[in-house]
């Protein structure tokens, strides 16, 4: 820490993690190492499989490949550092490292919000306007939607990160979390954080709640169109293509909204540090299983892929 005008400016932070028990840390190290390896393996398999086989040259799998790449990056912003801290006695992170981690986590989480909404739009067009699907969801449109998702998310993250680190941190440097997140970091600021809170509700809320509202609205039209399908087999097939997406949406948005879109006075640092584990670590591991590994086309492609390697 650097003394300045009878204050001490923070130059690094200490991440308190998920538990104070060393024995529990060793157990959690093994658990999260397995989760991380499963996340990397599952999402890499999806990326390779979708890229190799021409059958997956469709908008749905284009966005799925984007989601798999995103999930690898998303979980890698927090898990490697957390695994290191489980084994370390002093769990420090530099000021620049904290900025980088916060920016990356918010940006990638925002991309996931918007990308899930884009994938819902893809399902909406496929089910509600099947005759115009290839025209509406052409390659150029898909590329533009993906680029817009990343651009909006990076801008949203830049706003939050810049506002957070303009604050002076001149007291405690202990973050009661396993990574540099906005709510626990604002607790350490020795200045008014009302502007930050307003931006969380406005800019962050626009991304999270806006994406969630768009998804719900789209599914109202999707379900209405599915109900009108005459054949039972057709309805079941349409529902099955949406069920996986809805499962991921419910888990991701439910935990994200509970974490960020509520008054900071209700935030419990001891309890709520566990919730980001669900949408930041568990969801990226589950996405390949929910979206792809139950898919017959993916099953067949994976069998061909491994038989070629053998």
C-alpha atoms as a PDB file:
ATOM      1  CA  UNK A   1       0.000   0.000   0.000  1.00  0.00           C
ATOM      2  CA  UNK A   2       1.119   3.592  -0.753  1.00  0.00           C
ATOM      3  CA  UNK A   3       0.711   6.289   1.982  1.00  0.00           C
ATOM      4  CA  UNK A   4      -0.717   9.561   0.686  1.00  0.00           C
ATOM      5  CA  UNK A   5      -2.085  12.489   2.724  1.00  0.00           C
ATOM      6  CA  UNK A   6      -2.633  10.433   5.883  1.00  0.00           C
ATOM      7  CA  UNK A   7      -4.433   7.732   3.842  1.00  0.00           C
ATOM      8  CA  UNK A   8      -3.271   4.422   2.466  1.00  0.00           C
ATOM      9  CA  UNK A   9      -4.108   3.774  -1.180  1.00  0.00           C
ATOM     10  CA  UNK A  10      -4.647   0.132  -2.087  1.00  0.00           C
ATOM     11  CA  UNK A  11      -2.212  -1.344  -4.636  1.00  0.00           C
ATOM     12  CA  UNK A  12      -3.399  -4.943  -4.343  1.00  0.00           C
ATOM     13  CA  UNK A  13      -6.374  -6.861  -3.015  1.00  0.00           C
ATOM     14  CA  UNK A  14      -6.794 -10.030  -0.986  1.00  0.00           C
ATOM     15  CA  UNK A  15      -9.494 -12.442  -2.179  1.00  0.00           C
ATOM     16  CA  UNK A  16     -11.020 -14.172   0.851  1.00  0.00           C
ATOM     17  CA  UNK A  17     -12.535 -16.914  -1.323  1.00  0.00           C
ATOM     18  CA  UNK A  18     -15.414 -19.245  -0.567  1.00  0.00           C
ATOM     19  CA  UNK A  19     -14.276 -20.608   2.793  1.00  0.00           C
ATOM     20  CA  UNK A  20     -11.814 -19.997   5.638  1.00  0.00           C
ATOM     21  CA  UNK A  21     -11.123 -23.695   6.220  1.00  0.00           C
ATOM     22  CA  UNK A  22      -7.957 -25.085   4.620  1.00  0.00           C
ATOM     23  CA  UNK A  23      -9.412 -28.605   4.588  1.00  0.00           C
ATOM     24  CA  UNK A  24     -12.493 -27.375   2.732  1.00  0.00           C
ATOM     25  CA  UNK A  25     -10.261 -25.464   0.321  1.00  0.00           C
ATOM     26  CA  UNK A  26      -8.479 -28.687  -0.623  1.00  0.00           C
ATOM     27  CA  UNK A  27     -11.813 -30.389  -1.275  1.00  0.00           C
ATOM     28  CA  UNK A  28     -13.075 -27.405  -3.303  1.00  0.00           C
ATOM     29  CA  UNK A  29      -9.834 -27.397  -5.274  1.00  0.00           C
ATOM     30  CA  UNK A  30     -10.549 -30.932  -6.468  1.00  0.00           C
ATOM     31  CA  UNK A  31     -14.212 -30.183  -7.193  1.00  0.00           C
ATOM     32  CA  UNK A  32     -13.574 -27.018  -9.200  1.00  0.00           C
ATOM     33  CA  UNK A  33     -10.605 -28.543 -11.010  1.00  0.00           C
ATOM     34  CA  UNK A  34     -12.885 -31.331 -12.268  1.00  0.00           C
ATOM     35  CA  UNK A  35     -15.580 -28.803 -13.222  1.00  0.00           C
ATOM     36  CA  UNK A  36     -13.044 -26.662 -15.086  1.00  0.00           C
ATOM     37  CA  UNK A  37     -11.584 -29.610 -16.987  1.00  0.00           C
ATOM     38  CA  UNK A  38     -15.090 -30.791 -17.912  1.00  0.00           C
ATOM     39  CA  UNK A  39     -15.934 -27.278 -19.109  1.00  0.00           C
ATOM     40  CA  UNK A  40     -12.832 -27.055 -21.286  1.00  0.00           C
ATOM     41  CA  UNK A  41     -13.261 -30.578 -22.691  1.00  0.00           C
ATOM     42  CA  UNK A  42     -16.995 -30.325 -23.377  1.00  0.00           C
ATOM     43  CA  UNK A  43     -16.887 -26.926 -25.036  1.00  0.00           C
ATOM     44  CA  UNK A  44     -13.765 -27.729 -27.067  1.00  0.00           C
ATOM     45  CA  UNK A  45     -15.478 -30.878 -28.352  1.00  0.00           C
ATOM     46  CA  UNK A  46     -18.464 -28.800 -29.459  1.00  0.00           C
ATOM     47  CA  UNK A  47     -16.244 -26.242 -31.228  1.00  0.00           C
ATOM     48  CA  UNK A  48     -14.222 -28.930 -33.042  1.00  0.00           C
ATOM     49  CA  UNK A  49     -17.272 -31.046 -33.956  1.00  0.00           C
ATOM     50  CA  UNK A  50     -19.346 -28.133 -35.251  1.00  0.00           C
ATOM     51  CA  UNK A  51     -16.364 -26.783 -37.212  1.00  0.00           C
ATOM     52  CA  UNK A  52     -15.444 -30.077 -38.908  1.00  0.00           C
ATOM     53  CA  UNK A  53     -18.768 -31.511 -40.078  1.00  0.00           C
ATOM     54  CA  UNK A  54     -20.741 -29.693 -42.836  1.00  0.00           C
ATOM     55  CA  UNK A  55     -24.062 -30.834 -41.333  1.00  0.00           C
ATOM     56  CA  UNK A  56     -23.623 -28.214 -38.635  1.00  0.00           C
ATOM     57  CA  UNK A  57     -23.253 -25.331 -41.077  1.00  0.00           C
ATOM     58  CA  UNK A  58     -26.467 -23.695 -39.827  1.00  0.00           C
ATOM     59  CA  UNK A  59     -27.174 -20.507 -37.814  1.00  0.00           C
ATOM     60  CA  UNK A  60     -28.109 -22.477 -34.692  1.00  0.00           C
ATOM     61  CA  UNK A  61     -24.747 -24.237 -34.561  1.00  0.00           C
ATOM     62  CA  UNK A  62     -22.909 -21.049 -35.524  1.00  0.00           C
ATOM     63  CA  UNK A  63     -24.234 -19.422 -32.359  1.00  0.00           C
ATOM     64  CA  UNK A  64     -23.644 -22.596 -30.363  1.00  0.00           C
ATOM     65  CA  UNK A  65     -19.979 -22.545 -31.390  1.00  0.00           C
ATOM     66  CA  UNK A  66     -19.810 -18.905 -30.287  1.00  0.00           C
ATOM     67  CA  UNK A  67     -21.394 -19.873 -26.968  1.00  0.00           C
ATOM     68  CA  UNK A  68     -18.877 -22.683 -26.414  1.00  0.00           C
ATOM     69  CA  UNK A  69     -15.942 -20.363 -27.091  1.00  0.00           C
ATOM     70  CA  UNK A  70     -17.517 -17.772 -24.799  1.00  0.00           C
ATOM     71  CA  UNK A  71     -17.985 -20.311 -21.980  1.00  0.00           C
ATOM     72  CA  UNK A  72     -14.322 -21.330 -22.140  1.00  0.00           C
ATOM     73  CA  UNK A  73     -13.270 -17.684 -21.816  1.00  0.00           C
ATOM     74  CA  UNK A  74     -15.925 -16.910 -19.183  1.00  0.00           C
ATOM     75  CA  UNK A  75     -14.955 -19.655 -16.776  1.00  0.00           C
ATOM     76  CA  UNK A  76     -11.243 -19.017 -17.374  1.00  0.00           C
ATOM     77  CA  UNK A  77     -11.525 -15.486 -15.983  1.00  0.00           C
ATOM     78  CA  UNK A  78     -12.157 -16.763 -12.455  1.00  0.00           C
ATOM     79  CA  UNK A  79     -11.431 -20.480 -12.032  1.00  0.00           C
ATOM     80  CA  UNK A  80      -7.628 -20.620 -12.621  1.00  0.00           C
ATOM     81  CA  UNK A  81      -7.023 -17.815 -10.107  1.00  0.00           C
ATOM     82  CA  UNK A  82      -9.450 -19.427  -7.658  1.00  0.00           C
ATOM     83  CA  UNK A  83      -7.655 -22.784  -7.953  1.00  0.00           C
ATOM     84  CA  UNK A  84      -4.325 -21.087  -7.262  1.00  0.00           C
ATOM     85  CA  UNK A  85      -5.765 -19.331  -4.216  1.00  0.00           C
ATOM     86  CA  UNK A  86      -7.088 -22.600  -2.792  1.00  0.00           C
ATOM     87  CA  UNK A  87      -3.459 -23.727  -2.470  1.00  0.00           C
ATOM     88  CA  UNK A  88      -1.927 -20.375  -1.557  1.00  0.00           C
ATOM     89  CA  UNK A  89      -1.527 -18.941   1.915  1.00  0.00           C
ATOM     90  CA  UNK A  90      -1.782 -15.316   0.756  1.00  0.00           C
ATOM     91  CA  UNK A  91      -4.554 -14.890  -1.806  1.00  0.00           C
ATOM     92  CA  UNK A  92      -3.541 -11.603  -3.389  1.00  0.00           C
ATOM     93  CA  UNK A  93      -4.427 -10.082  -6.755  1.00  0.00           C
ATOM     94  CA  UNK A  94      -2.800  -6.930  -8.113  1.00  0.00           C
ATOM     95  CA  UNK A  95      -4.769  -3.746  -8.734  1.00  0.00           C
ATOM     96  CA  UNK A  96      -4.331  -4.162 -12.510  1.00  0.00           C
ATOM     97  CA  UNK A  97      -5.190  -7.862 -12.232  1.00  0.00           C
ATOM     98  CA  UNK A  98      -8.401  -6.984 -10.396  1.00  0.00           C
ATOM     99  CA  UNK A  99      -9.352  -4.460 -13.078  1.00  0.00           C
ATOM    100  CA  UNK A 100      -8.665  -7.003 -15.829  1.00  0.00           C
ATOM    101  CA  UNK A 101     -10.622  -9.746 -14.082  1.00  0.00           C
ATOM    102  CA  UNK A 102     -13.633  -7.509 -13.428  1.00  0.00           C
ATOM    103  CA  UNK A 103     -13.698  -6.195 -16.990  1.00  0.00           C
ATOM    104  CA  UNK A 104     -13.406  -9.691 -18.473  1.00  0.00           C
ATOM    105  CA  UNK A 105     -16.056 -11.200 -16.201  1.00  0.00           C
ATOM    106  CA  UNK A 106     -18.613  -8.446 -16.826  1.00  0.00           C
ATOM    107  CA  UNK A 107     -17.911  -8.356 -20.571  1.00  0.00           C
ATOM    108  CA  UNK A 108     -18.161 -12.119 -21.056  1.00  0.00           C
ATOM    109  CA  UNK A 109     -21.208 -12.393 -18.792  1.00  0.00           C
ATOM    110  CA  UNK A 110     -22.888  -9.620 -20.786  1.00  0.00           C
ATOM    111  CA  UNK A 111     -22.052 -11.380 -24.063  1.00  0.00           C
ATOM    112  CA  UNK A 112     -23.702 -14.530 -22.734  1.00  0.00           C
ATOM    113  CA  UNK A 113     -26.865 -12.561 -21.856  1.00  0.00           C
ATOM    114  CA  UNK A 114     -27.113 -11.017 -25.312  1.00  0.00           C
ATOM    115  CA  UNK A 115     -26.075 -14.191 -27.135  1.00  0.00           C
ATOM    116  CA  UNK A 116     -28.777 -16.211 -25.379  1.00  0.00           C
ATOM    117  CA  UNK A 117     -31.276 -13.591 -26.567  1.00  0.00           C
ATOM    118  CA  UNK A 118     -29.901 -13.855 -30.115  1.00  0.00           C
ATOM    119  CA  UNK A 119     -30.218 -17.644 -29.991  1.00  0.00           C
ATOM    120  CA  UNK A 120     -33.840 -17.184 -28.919  1.00  0.00           C
ATOM    121  CA  UNK A 121     -34.427 -14.982 -31.967  1.00  0.00           C
ATOM    122  CA  UNK A 122     -32.937 -17.755 -34.114  1.00  0.00           C
ATOM    123  CA  UNK A 123     -35.439 -20.236 -32.626  1.00  0.00           C
ATOM    124  CA  UNK A 124     -38.253 -17.728 -33.116  1.00  0.00           C
ATOM    125  CA  UNK A 125     -37.494 -17.358 -36.830  1.00  0.00           C
ATOM    126  CA  UNK A 126     -37.032 -21.127 -37.273  1.00  0.00           C
ATOM    127  CA  UNK A 127     -40.392 -21.979 -35.685  1.00  0.00           C
ATOM    128  CA  UNK A 128     -42.566 -18.952 -36.452  1.00  0.00           C
ATOM    129  CA  UNK A 129     -41.220 -18.140 -39.924  1.00  0.00           C
ATOM    130  CA  UNK A 130     -39.736 -21.408 -41.228  1.00  0.00           C
ATOM    131  CA  UNK A 131     -40.181 -20.555 -44.930  1.00  0.00           C
ATOM    132  CA  UNK A 132     -38.105 -17.391 -44.553  1.00  0.00           C
ATOM    133  CA  UNK A 133     -35.532 -18.836 -42.131  1.00  0.00           C
ATOM    134  CA  UNK A 134     -32.609 -19.163 -44.552  1.00  0.00           C
ATOM    135  CA  UNK A 135     -33.282 -15.691 -45.948  1.00  0.00           C
ATOM    136  CA  UNK A 136     -33.572 -13.916 -42.590  1.00  0.00           C
ATOM    137  CA  UNK A 137     -30.819 -15.819 -40.766  1.00  0.00           C
ATOM    138  CA  UNK A 138     -28.208 -15.681 -43.513  1.00  0.00           C
ATOM    139  CA  UNK A 139     -24.485 -15.739 -42.781  1.00  0.00           C
ATOM    140  CA  UNK A 140     -24.107 -11.960 -42.885  1.00  0.00           C
ATOM    141  CA  UNK A 141     -26.920 -11.448 -40.372  1.00  0.00           C
ATOM    142  CA  UNK A 142     -25.440 -14.082 -38.056  1.00  0.00           C
ATOM    143  CA  UNK A 143     -22.014 -12.428 -38.173  1.00  0.00           C
ATOM    144  CA  UNK A 144     -23.529  -9.011 -37.484  1.00  0.00           C
ATOM    145  CA  UNK A 145     -25.576 -10.313 -34.547  1.00  0.00           C
ATOM    146  CA  UNK A 146     -22.511 -11.984 -33.029  1.00  0.00           C
ATOM    147  CA  UNK A 147     -20.378  -8.855 -33.530  1.00  0.00           C
ATOM    148  CA  UNK A 148     -23.095  -6.641 -32.031  1.00  0.00           C
ATOM    149  CA  UNK A 149     -23.317  -8.933 -28.985  1.00  0.00           C
ATOM    150  CA  UNK A 150     -19.592  -8.652 -28.284  1.00  0.00           C
ATOM    151  CA  UNK A 151     -19.478  -4.890 -28.969  1.00  0.00           C
ATOM    152  CA  UNK A 152     -22.401  -4.023 -26.670  1.00  0.00           C
ATOM    153  CA  UNK A 153     -21.071  -6.295 -23.927  1.00  0.00           C
ATOM    154  CA  UNK A 154     -17.567  -4.814 -24.043  1.00  0.00           C
ATOM    155  CA  UNK A 155     -18.987  -1.283 -23.899  1.00  0.00           C
ATOM    156  CA  UNK A 156     -21.178  -2.198 -20.919  1.00  0.00           C
ATOM    157  CA  UNK A 157     -18.209  -3.707 -19.108  1.00  0.00           C
ATOM    158  CA  UNK A 158     -16.012  -0.692 -19.858  1.00  0.00           C
ATOM    159  CA  UNK A 159     -18.567   1.629 -18.237  1.00  0.00           C
ATOM    160  CA  UNK A 160     -18.807  -0.427 -15.024  1.00  0.00           C
ATOM    161  CA  UNK A 161     -15.071  -1.065 -14.732  1.00  0.00           C
ATOM    162  CA  UNK A 162     -14.116   2.561 -15.345  1.00  0.00           C
ATOM    163  CA  UNK A 163     -16.646   3.795 -12.779  1.00  0.00           C
ATOM    164  CA  UNK A 164     -15.550   1.213 -10.201  1.00  0.00           C
ATOM    165  CA  UNK A 165     -11.842   1.977 -10.408  1.00  0.00           C
ATOM    166  CA  UNK A 166     -12.229   5.756 -10.417  1.00  0.00           C
ATOM    167  CA  UNK A 167     -13.161   5.309  -6.750  1.00  0.00           C
ATOM    168  CA  UNK A 168     -10.489   5.630  -4.059  1.00  0.00           C
ATOM    169  CA  UNK A 169      -9.740   2.462  -2.095  1.00  0.00           C
ATOM    170  CA  UNK A 170      -8.007   3.668   1.051  1.00  0.00           C
ATOM    171  CA  UNK A 171      -9.158   1.278   3.740  1.00  0.00           C
ATOM    172  CA  UNK A 172      -9.361  -2.496   3.830  1.00  0.00           C
ATOM    173  CA  UNK A 173      -8.111  -4.380   0.767  1.00  0.00           C
ATOM    174  CA  UNK A 174      -9.879  -7.661   1.589  1.00  0.00           C
ATOM    175  CA  UNK A 175     -12.522  -8.627  -0.999  1.00  0.00           C
ATOM    176  CA  UNK A 176     -15.027 -11.039   0.519  1.00  0.00           C
ATOM    177  CA  UNK A 177     -15.351 -12.998  -2.718  1.00  0.00           C
ATOM    178  CA  UNK A 178     -13.431 -15.457  -4.887  1.00  0.00           C
ATOM    179  CA  UNK A 179     -12.943 -12.895  -7.677  1.00  0.00           C
ATOM    180  CA  UNK A 180     -13.128  -9.126  -8.275  1.00  0.00           C
ATOM    181  CA  UNK A 181     -16.843  -8.467  -8.635  1.00  0.00           C
ATOM    182  CA  UNK A 182     -18.679  -5.137  -8.450  1.00  0.00           C
ATOM    183  CA  UNK A 183     -20.779  -5.436  -5.219  1.00  0.00           C
ATOM    184  CA  UNK A 184     -17.994  -6.606  -2.857  1.00  0.00           C
ATOM    185  CA  UNK A 185     -15.532  -4.154  -4.411  1.00  0.00           C
ATOM    186  CA  UNK A 186     -17.874  -1.195  -3.866  1.00  0.00           C
ATOM    187  CA  UNK A 187     -17.981  -2.136  -0.187  1.00  0.00           C
ATOM    188  CA  UNK A 188     -14.272  -1.265   0.042  1.00  0.00           C
ATOM    189  CA  UNK A 189     -14.526   2.168  -1.592  1.00  0.00           C
ATOM    190  CA  UNK A 190     -14.068   5.167   0.713  1.00  0.00           C
ATOM    191  CA  UNK A 191     -16.296   7.440  -1.400  1.00  0.00           C
ATOM    192  CA  UNK A 192     -19.906   7.731  -2.529  1.00  0.00           C
ATOM    193  CA  UNK A 193     -20.865   4.811  -4.813  1.00  0.00           C
ATOM    194  CA  UNK A 194     -24.356   5.995  -5.776  1.00  0.00           C
ATOM    195  CA  UNK A 195     -23.292   6.627  -9.400  1.00  0.00           C
ATOM    196  CA  UNK A 196     -22.016   3.055  -9.630  1.00  0.00           C
ATOM    197  CA  UNK A 197     -25.269   1.688  -8.258  1.00  0.00           C
ATOM    198  CA  UNK A 198     -27.312   3.759 -10.712  1.00  0.00           C
ATOM    199  CA  UNK A 199     -25.237   2.404 -13.605  1.00  0.00           C
ATOM    200  CA  UNK A 200     -25.664  -1.162 -12.365  1.00  0.00           C
ATOM    201  CA  UNK A 201     -29.439  -0.739 -12.511  1.00  0.00           C
ATOM    202  CA  UNK A 202     -29.482   1.220 -15.787  1.00  0.00           C
ATOM    203  CA  UNK A 203     -26.674  -0.085 -18.009  1.00  0.00           C
ATOM    204  CA  UNK A 204     -26.308  -3.517 -16.402  1.00  0.00           C
ATOM    205  CA  UNK A 205     -30.059  -3.860 -15.962  1.00  0.00           C
ATOM    206  CA  UNK A 206     -30.598  -3.035 -19.619  1.00  0.00           C
ATOM    207  CA  UNK A 207     -28.372  -5.916 -20.655  1.00  0.00           C
ATOM    208  CA  UNK A 208     -29.638  -8.516 -18.171  1.00  0.00           C
ATOM    209  CA  UNK A 209     -33.306  -7.570 -17.824  1.00  0.00           C
ATOM    210  CA  UNK A 210     -33.570  -6.409 -21.455  1.00  0.00           C
ATOM    211  CA  UNK A 211     -32.222  -9.711 -22.761  1.00  0.00           C
ATOM    212  CA  UNK A 212     -34.433 -11.669 -20.371  1.00  0.00           C
ATOM    213  CA  UNK A 213     -37.548  -9.695 -21.408  1.00  0.00           C
ATOM    214  CA  UNK A 214     -36.762 -10.218 -25.101  1.00  0.00           C
ATOM    215  CA  UNK A 215     -36.382 -13.966 -24.499  1.00  0.00           C
ATOM    216  CA  UNK A 216     -39.697 -14.202 -22.623  1.00  0.00           C
ATOM    217  CA  UNK A 217     -41.508 -12.201 -25.298  1.00  0.00           C
ATOM    218  CA  UNK A 218     -40.029 -14.345 -28.064  1.00  0.00           C
ATOM    219  CA  UNK A 219     -41.089 -17.541 -26.320  1.00  0.00           C
ATOM    220  CA  UNK A 220     -44.661 -16.305 -26.049  1.00  0.00           C
ATOM    221  CA  UNK A 221     -44.756 -16.203 -29.857  1.00  0.00           C
ATOM    222  CA  UNK A 222     -42.815 -19.469 -30.140  1.00  0.00           C
ATOM    223  CA  UNK A 223     -45.140 -21.391 -27.820  1.00  0.00           C
ATOM    224  CA  UNK A 224     -48.184 -19.933 -29.594  1.00  0.00           C
ATOM    225  CA  UNK A 225     -46.794 -21.157 -32.918  1.00  0.00           C
ATOM    226  CA  UNK A 226     -45.975 -24.610 -31.506  1.00  0.00           C
ATOM    227  CA  UNK A 227     -49.488 -25.058 -30.140  1.00  0.00           C
ATOM    228  CA  UNK A 228     -50.871 -24.448 -33.634  1.00  0.00           C
ATOM    229  CA  UNK A 229     -48.825 -27.314 -35.080  1.00  0.00           C
ATOM    230  CA  UNK A 230     -51.279 -30.098 -35.905  1.00  0.00           C
ATOM    231  CA  UNK A 231     -49.119 -33.196 -35.501  1.00  0.00           C
ATOM    232  CA  UNK A 232     -48.083 -34.326 -32.033  1.00  0.00           C
ATOM    233  CA  UNK A 233     -44.667 -35.365 -33.345  1.00  0.00           C
ATOM    234  CA  UNK A 234     -44.124 -31.894 -34.797  1.00  0.00           C
ATOM    235  CA  UNK A 235     -45.045 -30.206 -31.525  1.00  0.00           C
ATOM    236  CA  UNK A 236     -42.729 -32.462 -29.516  1.00  0.00           C
ATOM    237  CA  UNK A 237     -39.857 -31.847 -31.908  1.00  0.00           C
ATOM    238  CA  UNK A 238     -40.368 -28.079 -31.715  1.00  0.00           C
ATOM    239  CA  UNK A 239     -40.599 -28.159 -27.926  1.00  0.00           C
ATOM    240  CA  UNK A 240     -37.422 -30.270 -27.661  1.00  0.00           C
ATOM    241  CA  UNK A 241     -35.409 -27.677 -29.599  1.00  0.00           C
ATOM    242  CA  UNK A 242     -36.491 -25.002 -27.112  1.00  0.00           C
ATOM    243  CA  UNK A 243     -36.316 -26.981 -23.854  1.00  0.00           C
ATOM    244  CA  UNK A 244     -32.519 -27.016 -23.692  1.00  0.00           C
ATOM    245  CA  UNK A 245     -32.306 -23.296 -24.344  1.00  0.00           C
ATOM    246  CA  UNK A 246     -34.928 -22.504 -21.709  1.00  0.00           C
ATOM    247  CA  UNK A 247     -33.052 -24.595 -19.124  1.00  0.00           C
ATOM    248  CA  UNK A 248     -29.848 -22.607 -19.628  1.00  0.00           C
ATOM    249  CA  UNK A 249     -31.735 -19.295 -19.731  1.00  0.00           C
ATOM    250  CA  UNK A 250     -33.510 -20.015 -16.441  1.00  0.00           C
ATOM    251  CA  UNK A 251     -30.332 -20.974 -14.600  1.00  0.00           C
ATOM    252  CA  UNK A 252     -28.185 -18.164 -15.977  1.00  0.00           C
ATOM    253  CA  UNK A 253     -30.622 -15.246 -15.783  1.00  0.00           C
ATOM    254  CA  UNK A 254     -32.155 -16.293 -12.486  1.00  0.00           C
ATOM    255  CA  UNK A 255     -28.842 -16.199 -10.640  1.00  0.00           C
ATOM    256  CA  UNK A 256     -27.526 -13.135 -12.526  1.00  0.00           C
ATOM    257  CA  UNK A 257     -30.625 -11.045 -11.759  1.00  0.00           C
ATOM    258  CA  UNK A 258     -30.548 -12.109  -8.095  1.00  0.00           C
ATOM    259  CA  UNK A 259     -26.887 -11.068  -7.858  1.00  0.00           C
ATOM    260  CA  UNK A 260     -26.922  -7.683  -9.577  1.00  0.00           C
ATOM    261  CA  UNK A 261     -30.449  -6.316 -10.094  1.00  0.00           C
ATOM    262  CA  UNK A 262     -31.481  -5.652  -6.503  1.00  0.00           C
ATOM    263  CA  UNK A 263     -30.694  -3.049  -3.819  1.00  0.00           C
ATOM    264  CA  UNK A 264     -27.150  -3.220  -2.469  1.00  0.00           C
ATOM    265  CA  UNK A 265     -28.580  -2.971   1.049  1.00  0.00           C
ATOM    266  CA  UNK A 266     -29.900  -6.522   0.644  1.00  0.00           C
ATOM    267  CA  UNK A 267     -26.553  -7.887  -0.560  1.00  0.00           C
ATOM    268  CA  UNK A 268     -25.038 -10.435   1.828  1.00  0.00           C
ATOM    269  CA  UNK A 269     -21.311 -10.756   1.205  1.00  0.00           C
ATOM    270  CA  UNK A 270     -21.081 -14.073   3.038  1.00  0.00           C
ATOM    271  CA  UNK A 271     -24.005 -15.740   1.265  1.00  0.00           C
ATOM    272  CA  UNK A 272     -24.099 -14.157  -2.188  1.00  0.00           C
ATOM    273  CA  UNK A 273     -20.477 -14.867  -3.070  1.00  0.00           C
ATOM    274  CA  UNK A 274     -21.582 -18.453  -3.732  1.00  0.00           C
ATOM    275  CA  UNK A 275     -24.282 -17.516  -6.289  1.00  0.00           C
ATOM    276  CA  UNK A 276     -21.893 -16.425  -9.096  1.00  0.00           C
ATOM    277  CA  UNK A 277     -20.531 -19.973  -9.015  1.00  0.00           C
ATOM    278  CA  UNK A 278     -23.792 -21.073 -10.674  1.00  0.00           C
ATOM    279  CA  UNK A 279     -23.835 -18.729 -13.678  1.00  0.00           C
ATOM    280  CA  UNK A 280     -20.076 -18.161 -13.915  1.00  0.00           C
ATOM    281  CA  UNK A 281     -18.745 -21.699 -13.436  1.00  0.00           C
ATOM    282  CA  UNK A 282     -21.490 -24.346 -13.360  1.00  0.00           C
ATOM    283  CA  UNK A 283     -23.507 -23.068 -16.357  1.00  0.00           C
ATOM    284  CA  UNK A 284     -20.506 -23.084 -18.757  1.00  0.00           C
ATOM    285  CA  UNK A 285     -19.936 -26.726 -17.780  1.00  0.00           C
ATOM    286  CA  UNK A 286     -23.599 -27.681 -18.298  1.00  0.00           C
ATOM    287  CA  UNK A 287     -24.113 -25.894 -21.625  1.00  0.00           C
ATOM    288  CA  UNK A 288     -22.469 -28.595 -23.802  1.00  0.00           C
ATOM    289  CA  UNK A 289     -24.442 -31.322 -22.022  1.00  0.00           C
ATOM    290  CA  UNK A 290     -27.765 -29.487 -22.209  1.00  0.00           C
ATOM    291  CA  UNK A 291     -27.442 -28.150 -25.754  1.00  0.00           C
ATOM    292  CA  UNK A 292     -25.494 -30.742 -27.656  1.00  0.00           C
ATOM    293  CA  UNK A 293     -24.687 -34.059 -26.054  1.00  0.00           C
ATOM    294  CA  UNK A 294     -28.401 -34.985 -26.031  1.00  0.00           C
ATOM    295  CA  UNK A 295     -28.592 -34.180 -29.752  1.00  0.00           C
ATOM    296  CA  UNK A 296     -28.607 -37.206 -32.083  1.00  0.00           C
ATOM    297  CA  UNK A 297     -26.732 -35.310 -34.800  1.00  0.00           C
ATOM    298  CA  UNK A 298     -23.999 -34.357 -32.343  1.00  0.00           C
ATOM    299  CA  UNK A 299     -23.852 -37.951 -31.045  1.00  0.00           C
ATOM    300  CA  UNK A 300     -23.294 -39.237 -34.568  1.00  0.00           C
ATOM    301  CA  UNK A 301     -20.669 -36.593 -35.327  1.00  0.00           C
ATOM    302  CA  UNK A 302     -18.775 -37.346 -32.102  1.00  0.00           C
ATOM    303  CA  UNK A 303     -18.746 -41.062 -32.912  1.00  0.00           C
ATOM    304  CA  UNK A 304     -17.312 -40.304 -36.357  1.00  0.00           C
ATOM    305  CA  UNK A 305     -14.770 -37.913 -34.815  1.00  0.00           C
ATOM    306  CA  UNK A 306     -13.459 -40.458 -32.310  1.00  0.00           C
ATOM    307  CA  UNK A 307     -13.504 -43.308 -34.820  1.00  0.00           C
ATOM    308  CA  UNK A 308     -11.290 -41.220 -37.129  1.00  0.00           C
ATOM    309  CA  UNK A 309      -8.833 -40.614 -34.288  1.00  0.00           C
ATOM    310  CA  UNK A 310      -8.703 -44.337 -33.505  1.00  0.00           C
END
